[in-house]
N, C-alpha and C. Protein backbone atom coordinates (compact mmCIF):
# COMPACT_ATOMS: atom_id res chain seq x y z
N MET A 1 162.93 65.53 51.78
CA MET A 1 161.64 66.04 51.39
C MET A 1 160.75 64.91 50.86
N LYS A 2 161.35 63.98 50.06
CA LYS A 2 160.58 62.87 49.53
C LYS A 2 160.02 62.01 50.64
N GLN A 3 160.83 61.82 51.69
CA GLN A 3 160.38 60.99 52.81
C GLN A 3 159.18 61.63 53.50
N LEU A 4 159.19 62.94 53.64
CA LEU A 4 158.08 63.64 54.27
C LEU A 4 156.80 63.48 53.45
N ILE A 5 156.92 63.56 52.13
CA ILE A 5 155.76 63.40 51.26
C ILE A 5 155.22 61.97 51.35
N VAL A 6 156.12 60.98 51.36
CA VAL A 6 155.70 59.59 51.47
C VAL A 6 155.02 59.34 52.81
N ILE A 7 155.59 59.86 53.88
CA ILE A 7 155.00 59.68 55.22
C ILE A 7 153.62 60.34 55.27
N TRP A 8 153.51 61.55 54.75
CA TRP A 8 152.23 62.26 54.74
C TRP A 8 151.20 61.49 53.91
N GLY A 9 151.61 60.94 52.78
CA GLY A 9 150.71 60.15 51.94
C GLY A 9 150.22 58.90 52.65
N LEU A 10 151.12 58.19 53.32
CA LEU A 10 150.72 56.99 54.07
C LEU A 10 149.78 57.34 55.22
N PHE A 11 150.07 58.44 55.90
CA PHE A 11 149.21 58.89 57.00
C PHE A 11 147.80 59.20 56.48
N SER A 12 147.72 59.92 55.36
CA SER A 12 146.42 60.27 54.77
C SER A 12 145.66 59.03 54.34
N LEU A 13 146.38 58.09 53.74
CA LEU A 13 145.76 56.85 53.30
C LEU A 13 145.21 56.04 54.48
N SER A 14 145.97 55.99 55.57
CA SER A 14 145.50 55.25 56.74
C SER A 14 144.28 55.91 57.37
N LEU A 15 144.23 57.25 57.38
CA LEU A 15 143.04 57.94 57.88
C LEU A 15 141.82 57.63 57.03
N PHE A 16 142.00 57.64 55.71
CA PHE A 16 140.91 57.35 54.80
C PHE A 16 140.40 55.92 55.02
N ALA A 17 141.33 54.97 55.10
CA ALA A 17 140.95 53.57 55.29
C ALA A 17 140.22 53.38 56.62
N SER A 18 140.69 54.05 57.65
CA SER A 18 140.06 53.95 58.96
C SER A 18 138.64 54.49 58.92
N ALA A 19 138.47 55.65 58.30
CA ALA A 19 137.13 56.26 58.22
C ALA A 19 136.21 55.41 57.35
N HIS A 20 136.73 54.85 56.29
CA HIS A 20 135.93 54.05 55.38
C HIS A 20 135.46 52.74 56.03
N ASN A 21 136.28 52.18 56.89
CA ASN A 21 135.94 50.90 57.53
C ASN A 21 135.07 51.07 58.77
N HIS A 22 134.92 52.29 59.27
CA HIS A 22 134.09 52.52 60.45
C HIS A 22 132.65 52.24 60.09
N LYS A 23 131.99 51.41 60.87
CA LYS A 23 130.60 51.06 60.58
C LYS A 23 129.67 51.84 61.49
N ASN A 24 128.66 52.44 60.87
CA ASN A 24 127.61 53.12 61.62
C ASN A 24 126.63 52.05 62.07
N PRO A 25 126.44 51.85 63.38
CA PRO A 25 125.57 50.78 63.85
C PRO A 25 124.14 50.91 63.34
N ASP A 26 123.66 52.13 63.10
CA ASP A 26 122.30 52.29 62.62
C ASP A 26 122.15 51.87 61.16
N LEU A 27 123.23 52.00 60.38
CA LEU A 27 123.13 51.69 58.96
C LEU A 27 123.58 50.27 58.65
N SER A 28 124.29 49.63 59.57
CA SER A 28 124.85 48.32 59.26
C SER A 28 123.85 47.18 59.45
N GLN A 29 122.73 47.44 60.05
CA GLN A 29 121.76 46.38 60.26
C GLN A 29 121.00 46.13 58.96
N SER A 30 121.15 44.94 58.43
CA SER A 30 120.52 44.63 57.15
C SER A 30 119.01 44.50 57.28
N SER A 31 118.51 44.35 58.49
CA SER A 31 117.08 44.17 58.67
C SER A 31 116.32 45.49 58.58
N LYS A 32 117.03 46.62 58.68
CA LYS A 32 116.34 47.90 58.58
C LYS A 32 116.00 48.18 57.13
N LYS A 33 114.76 48.61 56.89
CA LYS A 33 114.39 48.93 55.52
C LYS A 33 114.74 50.38 55.22
N GLU A 34 114.95 50.66 53.95
CA GLU A 34 115.25 52.02 53.55
C GLU A 34 113.99 52.85 53.69
N THR A 35 114.14 54.11 54.11
CA THR A 35 112.99 54.99 54.21
C THR A 35 112.99 55.95 53.04
N THR A 36 111.82 56.24 52.54
CA THR A 36 111.69 57.21 51.46
C THR A 36 111.50 58.57 52.06
N ALA A 37 111.63 59.60 51.23
CA ALA A 37 111.43 60.97 51.70
C ALA A 37 110.02 61.13 52.26
N LEU A 38 109.06 60.43 51.67
CA LEU A 38 107.67 60.54 52.11
C LEU A 38 107.48 59.97 53.51
N GLU A 39 108.19 58.90 53.85
CA GLU A 39 108.03 58.30 55.18
C GLU A 39 108.58 59.20 56.27
N THR A 40 109.55 60.01 55.94
CA THR A 40 110.16 60.87 56.95
C THR A 40 109.60 62.28 56.95
N ASN A 41 108.95 62.68 55.87
CA ASN A 41 108.43 64.04 55.77
C ASN A 41 107.22 64.05 54.85
N LYS A 42 106.06 64.38 55.39
CA LYS A 42 104.85 64.43 54.57
C LYS A 42 104.42 65.86 54.29
N LYS A 43 105.21 66.82 54.73
CA LYS A 43 104.90 68.22 54.48
C LYS A 43 106.07 68.87 53.76
N PHE A 44 105.76 69.64 52.74
CA PHE A 44 106.78 70.25 51.92
C PHE A 44 106.45 71.72 51.74
N GLY A 45 107.46 72.56 51.74
CA GLY A 45 107.25 74.00 51.65
C GLY A 45 106.89 74.54 53.01
N GLY A 46 106.01 75.53 53.05
CA GLY A 46 105.60 76.13 54.32
C GLY A 46 104.49 75.32 54.98
N ALA A 47 103.88 75.94 55.97
CA ALA A 47 102.77 75.30 56.68
C ALA A 47 101.45 75.69 56.03
N ILE A 48 100.52 74.76 56.00
CA ILE A 48 99.19 75.05 55.48
C ILE A 48 98.41 75.74 56.59
N THR A 49 97.88 76.92 56.28
CA THR A 49 97.13 77.67 57.28
C THR A 49 95.72 77.11 57.38
N PRO A 50 95.18 77.12 58.57
CA PRO A 50 93.81 76.59 58.74
C PRO A 50 92.80 77.41 57.94
N GLN A 51 92.12 76.75 57.05
CA GLN A 51 91.06 77.36 56.26
C GLN A 51 90.26 76.26 55.58
N ASP A 52 89.16 76.61 54.99
CA ASP A 52 88.34 75.62 54.30
C ASP A 52 89.12 75.00 53.15
N THR A 53 88.94 73.70 52.98
CA THR A 53 89.57 72.98 51.88
C THR A 53 88.57 72.90 50.74
N LEU A 54 89.05 73.20 49.54
CA LEU A 54 88.21 73.21 48.35
C LEU A 54 88.57 72.06 47.44
N THR A 55 87.68 71.78 46.48
CA THR A 55 87.99 70.80 45.44
C THR A 55 88.36 71.58 44.17
N LEU A 56 89.02 70.91 43.24
CA LEU A 56 89.31 71.55 41.96
C LEU A 56 88.03 71.95 41.25
N SER A 57 87.03 71.11 41.34
CA SER A 57 85.74 71.42 40.69
C SER A 57 85.17 72.73 41.20
N GLN A 58 85.23 72.94 42.53
CA GLN A 58 84.72 74.19 43.10
C GLN A 58 85.50 75.39 42.58
N VAL A 59 86.83 75.27 42.57
CA VAL A 59 87.67 76.40 42.17
C VAL A 59 87.50 76.71 40.69
N ILE A 60 87.50 75.68 39.85
CA ILE A 60 87.39 75.92 38.41
C ILE A 60 86.00 76.42 38.03
N SER A 61 84.96 75.89 38.65
CA SER A 61 83.59 76.33 38.30
C SER A 61 83.32 77.76 38.75
N ASP A 62 84.01 78.25 39.74
CA ASP A 62 83.82 79.61 40.23
C ASP A 62 85.18 80.32 40.29
N PHE A 63 85.94 80.21 39.19
CA PHE A 63 87.32 80.68 39.15
C PHE A 63 87.47 82.14 39.57
N ASP A 64 86.59 83.02 39.10
CA ASP A 64 86.74 84.44 39.42
C ASP A 64 86.68 84.72 40.92
N LYS A 65 85.95 83.90 41.66
CA LYS A 65 85.85 84.06 43.11
C LYS A 65 87.19 83.75 43.80
N TYR A 66 87.96 82.80 43.25
CA TYR A 66 89.19 82.34 43.91
C TYR A 66 90.46 82.87 43.25
N LYS A 67 90.33 83.47 42.09
CA LYS A 67 91.47 83.96 41.32
C LYS A 67 92.34 84.90 42.16
N GLY A 68 93.62 84.58 42.26
CA GLY A 68 94.57 85.44 42.96
C GLY A 68 94.55 85.33 44.48
N LYS A 69 93.67 84.48 45.02
CA LYS A 69 93.58 84.33 46.48
C LYS A 69 94.32 83.07 46.91
N THR A 70 94.89 83.10 48.11
CA THR A 70 95.51 81.89 48.66
C THR A 70 94.42 80.96 49.14
N ILE A 71 94.42 79.75 48.58
CA ILE A 71 93.39 78.76 48.90
C ILE A 71 94.06 77.41 49.18
N VAL A 72 93.29 76.48 49.73
CA VAL A 72 93.76 75.11 49.95
C VAL A 72 92.86 74.18 49.15
N ILE A 73 93.49 73.33 48.34
CA ILE A 73 92.76 72.36 47.52
C ILE A 73 93.17 70.96 47.94
N GLU A 74 92.18 70.08 48.02
CA GLU A 74 92.45 68.67 48.27
C GLU A 74 92.20 67.92 46.97
N ALA A 75 93.16 67.08 46.59
CA ALA A 75 93.05 66.33 45.33
C ALA A 75 93.95 65.10 45.41
N THR A 76 94.05 64.41 44.30
CA THR A 76 94.92 63.23 44.18
C THR A 76 96.01 63.54 43.17
N THR A 77 97.23 63.08 43.45
CA THR A 77 98.32 63.31 42.50
C THR A 77 98.14 62.40 41.29
N GLU A 78 98.19 62.99 40.13
CA GLU A 78 98.03 62.28 38.86
C GLU A 78 99.40 61.98 38.24
N LYS A 79 100.30 62.98 38.31
CA LYS A 79 101.65 62.86 37.75
C LYS A 79 102.60 63.67 38.63
N VAL A 80 103.88 63.28 38.61
CA VAL A 80 104.93 64.04 39.29
C VAL A 80 106.12 64.09 38.35
N CYS A 81 106.82 65.21 38.31
CA CYS A 81 108.02 65.33 37.48
C CYS A 81 108.97 64.18 37.83
N GLU A 82 109.32 63.39 36.82
CA GLU A 82 110.19 62.24 37.05
C GLU A 82 111.66 62.64 37.21
N GLN A 83 111.99 63.88 36.86
CA GLN A 83 113.38 64.33 36.97
C GLN A 83 113.75 64.69 38.40
N LYS A 84 112.93 65.59 39.03
CA LYS A 84 113.27 66.09 40.36
C LYS A 84 112.10 66.15 41.34
N GLY A 85 110.89 66.00 40.85
CA GLY A 85 109.73 66.23 41.71
C GLY A 85 109.42 67.71 41.81
N CYS A 86 109.77 68.48 40.76
CA CYS A 86 109.64 69.94 40.80
C CYS A 86 108.26 70.44 40.36
N TRP A 87 107.36 69.57 39.98
CA TRP A 87 105.96 69.90 39.72
C TRP A 87 105.14 68.62 39.86
N MET A 88 103.83 68.80 39.97
CA MET A 88 102.93 67.65 39.97
C MET A 88 101.61 68.08 39.33
N VAL A 89 100.89 67.11 38.84
CA VAL A 89 99.55 67.35 38.33
C VAL A 89 98.61 66.74 39.35
N ILE A 90 97.66 67.56 39.81
CA ILE A 90 96.66 67.06 40.76
C ILE A 90 95.34 66.91 40.02
N LYS A 91 94.55 65.94 40.49
CA LYS A 91 93.30 65.61 39.80
C LYS A 91 92.17 65.47 40.81
N ASP A 92 90.99 65.90 40.36
CA ASP A 92 89.77 65.80 41.15
C ASP A 92 88.65 65.55 40.15
N GLY A 93 88.16 64.33 40.08
CA GLY A 93 87.13 64.00 39.10
C GLY A 93 87.67 64.18 37.70
N SER A 94 87.02 65.01 36.89
CA SER A 94 87.46 65.22 35.51
C SER A 94 88.42 66.40 35.37
N HIS A 95 88.69 67.11 36.45
CA HIS A 95 89.58 68.27 36.40
C HIS A 95 90.99 67.91 36.86
N GLN A 96 91.96 68.47 36.15
CA GLN A 96 93.34 68.30 36.59
C GLN A 96 94.07 69.62 36.38
N VAL A 97 95.06 69.87 37.25
CA VAL A 97 95.80 71.12 37.23
C VAL A 97 97.27 70.84 37.53
N ARG A 98 98.13 71.43 36.72
CA ARG A 98 99.56 71.34 37.01
C ARG A 98 99.87 72.25 38.19
N THR A 99 100.63 71.73 39.14
CA THR A 99 101.00 72.47 40.33
C THR A 99 102.50 72.67 40.33
N LEU A 100 102.91 73.92 40.38
CA LEU A 100 104.32 74.28 40.49
C LEU A 100 104.57 74.71 41.93
N PHE A 101 105.81 74.80 42.32
CA PHE A 101 106.14 75.15 43.70
C PHE A 101 106.79 76.52 43.75
N LYS A 102 106.23 77.37 44.60
CA LYS A 102 106.60 78.78 44.67
C LYS A 102 108.11 78.98 44.70
N ASP A 103 108.57 79.83 43.81
CA ASP A 103 109.99 80.19 43.71
C ASP A 103 110.91 78.99 43.53
N TYR A 104 110.34 77.87 43.03
CA TYR A 104 111.15 76.64 42.84
C TYR A 104 111.82 76.29 44.16
N GLY A 105 111.09 76.59 45.26
CA GLY A 105 111.67 76.52 46.60
C GLY A 105 111.66 75.15 47.26
N PHE A 106 110.92 74.20 46.72
CA PHE A 106 110.89 72.86 47.29
C PHE A 106 110.40 71.89 46.23
N PHE A 107 110.63 70.61 46.47
CA PHE A 107 110.18 69.55 45.57
C PHE A 107 109.38 68.55 46.39
N VAL A 108 108.66 67.68 45.70
CA VAL A 108 107.93 66.60 46.36
C VAL A 108 108.53 65.27 45.92
N PRO A 109 108.32 64.21 46.69
CA PRO A 109 108.83 62.90 46.28
C PRO A 109 108.21 62.46 44.94
N LYS A 110 108.97 61.77 44.16
CA LYS A 110 108.51 61.34 42.84
C LYS A 110 107.57 60.14 42.92
N ASP A 111 107.43 59.53 44.09
CA ASP A 111 106.63 58.30 44.23
C ASP A 111 105.27 58.53 44.89
N ILE A 112 104.70 59.74 44.74
CA ILE A 112 103.42 60.02 45.40
C ILE A 112 102.22 59.97 44.45
N VAL A 113 102.41 59.48 43.24
CA VAL A 113 101.29 59.38 42.29
C VAL A 113 100.20 58.50 42.90
N GLY A 114 98.97 58.99 42.83
CA GLY A 114 97.83 58.25 43.37
C GLY A 114 97.51 58.57 44.81
N GLN A 115 98.35 59.37 45.45
CA GLN A 115 98.10 59.70 46.86
C GLN A 115 97.37 61.03 46.98
N LYS A 116 96.61 61.16 48.07
CA LYS A 116 95.88 62.39 48.35
C LYS A 116 96.85 63.46 48.82
N VAL A 117 96.58 64.69 48.40
CA VAL A 117 97.39 65.83 48.83
C VAL A 117 96.47 67.01 49.16
N ARG A 118 96.98 67.85 50.02
CA ARG A 118 96.40 69.18 50.22
C ARG A 118 97.48 70.15 49.79
N VAL A 119 97.11 71.08 48.93
CA VAL A 119 98.05 72.08 48.43
C VAL A 119 97.51 73.46 48.75
N GLN A 120 98.40 74.32 49.20
CA GLN A 120 98.02 75.70 49.51
C GLN A 120 98.76 76.62 48.54
N GLY A 121 98.02 77.54 47.95
CA GLY A 121 98.65 78.47 47.02
C GLY A 121 97.62 79.25 46.24
N VAL A 122 98.02 79.65 45.04
CA VAL A 122 97.20 80.53 44.21
C VAL A 122 96.96 79.88 42.85
N MET A 123 95.69 79.89 42.42
CA MET A 123 95.31 79.36 41.11
C MET A 123 95.28 80.53 40.13
N GLU A 124 95.78 80.27 38.93
CA GLU A 124 95.71 81.28 37.87
C GLU A 124 95.43 80.59 36.55
N GLN A 125 95.04 81.38 35.60
CA GLN A 125 94.82 80.86 34.26
C GLN A 125 95.80 81.61 33.36
N LYS A 126 96.59 80.85 32.61
CA LYS A 126 97.61 81.51 31.80
C LYS A 126 97.90 80.73 30.54
N LYS A 127 98.53 81.40 29.59
CA LYS A 127 98.94 80.76 28.34
C LYS A 127 100.24 80.02 28.60
N ILE A 128 100.24 78.72 28.31
CA ILE A 128 101.42 77.88 28.46
C ILE A 128 101.99 77.67 27.05
N SER A 129 103.24 78.05 26.85
CA SER A 129 103.85 77.97 25.52
C SER A 129 104.07 76.53 25.09
N ALA A 130 104.21 76.32 23.78
CA ALA A 130 104.49 74.99 23.24
C ALA A 130 105.81 74.46 23.80
N ALA A 131 106.81 75.32 23.93
CA ALA A 131 108.11 74.90 24.46
C ALA A 131 107.98 74.40 25.90
N THR A 132 107.19 75.09 26.69
CA THR A 132 106.98 74.67 28.08
C THR A 132 106.21 73.37 28.14
N LEU A 133 105.19 73.22 27.29
CA LEU A 133 104.43 71.98 27.24
C LEU A 133 105.32 70.80 26.84
N ARG A 134 106.22 71.04 25.88
CA ARG A 134 107.16 69.97 25.49
C ARG A 134 108.09 69.63 26.65
N HIS A 135 108.54 70.65 27.38
CA HIS A 135 109.40 70.42 28.54
C HIS A 135 108.68 69.56 29.59
N TYR A 136 107.42 69.87 29.86
CA TYR A 136 106.65 69.08 30.83
C TYR A 136 106.52 67.63 30.36
N LYS A 137 106.24 67.44 29.07
CA LYS A 137 106.11 66.07 28.53
C LYS A 137 107.41 65.30 28.69
N LYS A 138 108.53 65.98 28.45
CA LYS A 138 109.84 65.33 28.62
C LYS A 138 110.03 64.93 30.09
N ASP A 139 109.68 65.84 31.01
CA ASP A 139 109.79 65.55 32.45
C ASP A 139 108.90 64.38 32.86
N GLU A 140 107.80 64.16 32.14
CA GLU A 140 106.90 63.05 32.43
C GLU A 140 107.46 61.71 31.95
N GLY A 141 108.53 61.78 31.15
CA GLY A 141 109.11 60.55 30.63
C GLY A 141 108.50 60.13 29.30
N ALA A 142 107.83 61.07 28.61
CA ALA A 142 107.19 60.75 27.33
C ALA A 142 108.24 60.45 26.25
N LYS A 143 107.81 59.72 25.24
CA LYS A 143 108.69 59.39 24.11
C LYS A 143 108.86 60.61 23.22
N LEU A 144 109.98 60.65 22.50
CA LEU A 144 110.33 61.79 21.67
C LEU A 144 109.24 62.12 20.66
N GLY A 145 108.66 61.10 20.03
CA GLY A 145 107.59 61.33 19.05
C GLY A 145 106.40 62.06 19.65
N GLU A 146 106.04 61.71 20.86
CA GLU A 146 104.92 62.35 21.54
C GLU A 146 105.26 63.81 21.88
N ILE A 147 106.50 64.04 22.27
CA ILE A 147 106.94 65.40 22.61
C ILE A 147 106.93 66.28 21.36
N GLN A 148 107.40 65.74 20.25
CA GLN A 148 107.49 66.52 19.01
C GLN A 148 106.13 66.86 18.41
N LYS A 149 105.07 66.16 18.81
CA LYS A 149 103.73 66.45 18.30
C LYS A 149 103.19 67.78 18.83
N ILE A 150 103.75 68.27 19.92
CA ILE A 150 103.25 69.52 20.52
C ILE A 150 103.78 70.69 19.71
N LYS A 151 102.88 71.39 19.04
CA LYS A 151 103.27 72.50 18.16
C LYS A 151 102.76 73.86 18.64
N THR A 152 101.70 73.85 19.44
CA THR A 152 101.12 75.12 19.89
C THR A 152 100.93 75.12 21.40
N GLY A 153 100.88 76.31 21.94
CA GLY A 153 100.60 76.46 23.36
C GLY A 153 99.10 76.40 23.61
N ARG A 154 98.71 76.59 24.88
CA ARG A 154 97.28 76.58 25.20
C ARG A 154 97.04 77.34 26.50
N MET A 155 95.81 77.79 26.64
CA MET A 155 95.39 78.41 27.90
C MET A 155 95.11 77.27 28.89
N ASP A 156 95.56 77.45 30.11
CA ASP A 156 95.40 76.38 31.08
C ASP A 156 95.36 76.97 32.48
N TYR A 157 94.77 76.22 33.39
CA TYR A 157 94.84 76.56 34.80
C TYR A 157 96.18 76.07 35.33
N GLN A 158 96.73 76.84 36.24
CA GLN A 158 97.99 76.45 36.87
C GLN A 158 97.93 76.87 38.33
N PHE A 159 98.40 76.00 39.21
CA PHE A 159 98.39 76.27 40.64
C PHE A 159 99.83 76.43 41.09
N THR A 160 100.12 77.49 41.84
CA THR A 160 101.44 77.69 42.40
C THR A 160 101.31 77.49 43.91
N ALA A 161 101.91 76.42 44.39
CA ALA A 161 101.78 76.04 45.81
C ALA A 161 102.95 76.58 46.62
N ASP A 162 102.61 77.03 47.84
CA ASP A 162 103.67 77.39 48.79
C ASP A 162 103.76 76.35 49.91
N ALA A 163 102.82 75.40 49.90
CA ALA A 163 102.83 74.31 50.89
C ALA A 163 102.09 73.10 50.32
N VAL A 164 102.62 71.91 50.62
CA VAL A 164 102.01 70.66 50.18
C VAL A 164 102.03 69.70 51.37
N GLU A 165 100.92 69.01 51.55
CA GLU A 165 100.82 67.97 52.56
C GLU A 165 100.33 66.69 51.88
N VAL A 166 101.07 65.60 52.04
CA VAL A 166 100.72 64.31 51.44
C VAL A 166 100.20 63.41 52.54
N TYR A 167 99.10 62.70 52.28
CA TYR A 167 98.57 61.77 53.28
C TYR A 167 97.93 60.57 52.65
């Protein structure tokens, strides 16, 4: 029985070593550069449906007109969650809005700060708790002292996107 176990162990070890030493020709070329998620995929979530593209200024200045409706906004990414890419802040002029992703169903690359995006979804205005604001600050990579300064919540605009396109 011991011999069978030793033989099985050696066989398993040789299979592992063989698989580990096999070189993938596409990955073994040192001249190939690594690709980021953004280079291989510039669309996240669902597809953006053809419709007029709005600015944050338009939506915020006439919020009641767009409230609860699916719209497309074009803006620039200001911040992205440094942990997973599970939210981003988009900016247009002096307006900025935190964008979450519907049902936590997709994330965006963490390296898209400063890039233009089109986001499709619904804008709402809601009370954001102090705990949630502290959580966002932590995700931004803020220092503990800055996080601890947040004591109260606030009313804020929030966009829930079902599709994002980076360009």
